[in-house]
């Protein structure tokens, strides 16, 4: 009879030890599978391209992170191309603004201009205005 409490105590300690070991191994296994996803999300938040090769239960999460990374990469490339195009066109836009300002000054002094010169300036300002309308429409489409 006296051996029964000792046996029960040993069984309790061994069960708690086994439970702790199973918990530790399970947590470690989950952390090993989640760590690449966390690293990928961290890189993605800093603008880096991420490619995750994950198998198992978290494969869908890895695929979605890869898709998101590709979409962000495409958007970044499109933005960079658009900015380089705009910065290339900027001197032309400034020239058109200067031309329009010059035309306004000349139109204010129209009574001093001859009829032929006045018509030429109106035609030139109209062409410049049409170009800026087209560029404005292209920018709005983006």
Protein backbone atom coordinates (compact mmCIF):
# COMPACT_ATOMS: atom_id res chain seq x y z
CA UNK A 1 0.00 0.00 0.00
CA UNK A 2 2.79 2.40 0.75
CA UNK A 3 4.20 1.94 -2.73
CA UNK A 4 1.01 3.19 -4.39
CA UNK A 5 1.55 6.94 -3.64
CA UNK A 6 5.14 6.76 -4.84
CA UNK A 7 4.10 5.04 -8.07
CA UNK A 8 1.34 7.62 -8.64
CA UNK A 9 3.80 10.47 -8.03
CA UNK A 10 6.31 8.97 -10.49
CA UNK A 11 3.56 8.55 -13.10
CA UNK A 12 2.43 12.15 -12.60
CA UNK A 13 5.96 13.52 -12.96
CA UNK A 14 6.64 11.37 -16.02
CA UNK A 15 3.34 12.46 -17.66
CA UNK A 16 4.11 16.14 -17.02
CA UNK A 17 7.63 15.66 -18.41
CA UNK A 18 6.31 13.94 -21.53
CA UNK A 19 3.67 16.67 -21.96
CA UNK A 20 6.36 19.39 -21.70
CA UNK A 21 8.60 17.60 -24.24
CA UNK A 22 5.69 17.21 -26.71
CA UNK A 23 4.77 20.88 -26.24
CA UNK A 24 8.37 22.03 -26.78
CA UNK A 25 8.82 19.91 -29.95
CA UNK A 26 5.48 21.05 -31.34
CA UNK A 27 6.27 24.73 -30.73
CA UNK A 28 9.72 24.32 -32.24
CA UNK A 29 8.26 22.64 -35.33
CA UNK A 30 5.72 25.46 -35.81
CA UNK A 31 8.40 28.14 -35.37
CA UNK A 32 10.65 26.44 -37.93
CA UNK A 33 7.79 26.51 -40.45
CA UNK A 34 6.70 30.09 -39.66
CA UNK A 35 10.19 31.65 -39.54
CA UNK A 36 10.64 31.82 -43.38
CA UNK A 37 7.21 33.43 -43.70
CA UNK A 38 8.06 36.06 -41.09
CA UNK A 39 11.40 36.77 -42.77
CA UNK A 40 9.64 37.04 -46.15
CA UNK A 41 7.07 39.49 -44.77
CA UNK A 42 9.86 41.56 -43.22
CA UNK A 43 11.71 41.73 -46.56
CA UNK A 44 8.46 42.50 -48.37
CA UNK A 45 7.75 45.41 -46.02
CA UNK A 46 11.17 46.87 -46.92
CA UNK A 47 10.43 46.68 -50.66
CA UNK A 48 12.53 43.62 -51.47
CA UNK A 49 11.36 40.85 -53.81
CA UNK A 50 10.54 37.63 -51.96
CA UNK A 51 10.38 34.04 -53.22
CA UNK A 52 9.36 31.46 -50.61
CA UNK A 53 9.52 27.70 -51.15
CA UNK A 54 7.24 26.36 -48.45
CA UNK A 55 5.65 22.92 -48.40
CA UNK A 56 3.08 21.48 -46.07
CA UNK A 57 0.28 23.21 -44.20
CA UNK A 58 1.57 26.72 -44.89
CA UNK A 59 2.12 26.26 -48.63
CA UNK A 60 -0.88 28.48 -49.51
CA UNK A 61 0.46 31.30 -47.35
CA UNK A 62 3.84 31.07 -49.10
CA UNK A 63 2.21 31.15 -52.54
CA UNK A 64 0.18 34.25 -51.65
CA UNK A 65 3.27 36.03 -50.34
CA UNK A 66 5.07 35.18 -53.60
CA UNK A 67 2.13 36.54 -55.64
CA UNK A 68 2.06 39.73 -53.56
CA UNK A 69 5.79 40.15 -54.04
CA UNK A 70 5.44 39.85 -57.83
CA UNK A 71 2.57 42.36 -57.90
CA UNK A 72 4.54 44.88 -55.84
CA UNK A 73 7.58 44.37 -58.06
CA UNK A 74 5.48 45.05 -61.18
CA UNK A 75 4.01 48.17 -59.60
CA UNK A 76 7.44 49.44 -58.57
CA UNK A 77 8.80 48.92 -62.09
CA UNK A 78 5.78 50.65 -63.65
CA UNK A 79 6.18 53.57 -61.24
CA UNK A 80 9.88 53.87 -62.03
CA UNK A 81 9.18 53.81 -65.79
CA UNK A 82 6.46 56.43 -65.41
CA UNK A 83 8.72 58.70 -63.32
CA UNK A 84 11.56 58.41 -65.82
CA UNK A 85 9.12 59.23 -68.63
CA UNK A 86 7.74 62.24 -66.79
CA UNK A 87 11.20 63.53 -65.90
CA UNK A 88 12.18 63.12 -69.57
CA UNK A 89 9.11 65.08 -70.69
CA UNK A 90 9.46 67.77 -68.02
CA UNK A 91 11.70 70.10 -70.09
CA UNK A 92 9.21 69.85 -72.96
CA UNK A 93 6.33 70.74 -70.65
CA UNK A 94 8.25 73.74 -69.32
CA UNK A 95 8.92 74.88 -72.87
CA UNK A 96 5.21 74.64 -73.64
CA UNK A 97 4.36 76.68 -70.54
CA UNK A 98 6.86 79.36 -71.55
CA UNK A 99 5.41 79.37 -75.08
CA UNK A 100 1.89 79.75 -73.73
CA UNK A 101 3.00 82.61 -71.46
CA UNK A 102 4.66 84.32 -74.42
CA UNK A 103 1.50 83.90 -76.48
CA UNK A 104 -0.61 85.44 -73.70
CA UNK A 105 1.70 88.47 -73.57
CA UNK A 106 1.48 88.86 -77.33
CA UNK A 107 -2.30 88.46 -77.29
CA UNK A 108 -2.61 91.24 -74.71
CA UNK A 109 -0.71 93.49 -77.11
CA UNK A 110 -2.64 92.30 -80.17
CA UNK A 111 -3.52 95.77 -81.30
CA UNK A 112 0.16 96.45 -81.92
CA UNK A 113 0.69 93.34 -84.00
CA UNK A 114 0.08 93.01 -87.68
CA UNK A 115 -2.69 90.74 -88.84
CA UNK A 116 -0.40 88.04 -90.33
CA UNK A 117 1.82 87.76 -87.28
CA UNK A 118 -1.22 87.58 -85.02
CA UNK A 119 -2.71 84.65 -86.98
CA UNK A 120 0.62 82.78 -86.90
CA UNK A 121 0.88 83.14 -83.12
CA UNK A 122 -2.69 81.99 -82.61
CA UNK A 123 -2.03 78.88 -84.70
CA UNK A 124 1.21 78.11 -82.82
CA UNK A 125 -0.43 78.54 -79.41
CA UNK A 126 -3.30 76.28 -80.51
CA UNK A 127 -0.90 73.46 -81.49
CA UNK A 128 0.91 73.74 -78.15
CA UNK A 129 -2.40 73.71 -76.29
CA UNK A 130 -3.52 70.51 -78.10
CA UNK A 131 -0.27 68.75 -77.12
CA UNK A 132 -0.67 69.65 -73.46
CA UNK A 133 -4.30 68.37 -73.53
CA UNK A 134 -3.08 65.00 -74.87
CA UNK A 135 -0.40 64.74 -72.19
CA UNK A 136 -2.92 65.67 -69.51
CA UNK A 137 -5.24 62.89 -70.75
CA UNK A 138 -2.37 60.34 -70.68
CA UNK A 139 -1.46 61.28 -67.13
CA UNK A 140 -5.09 60.93 -66.00
CA UNK A 141 -5.27 57.42 -67.52
CA UNK A 142 -2.39 56.29 -65.28
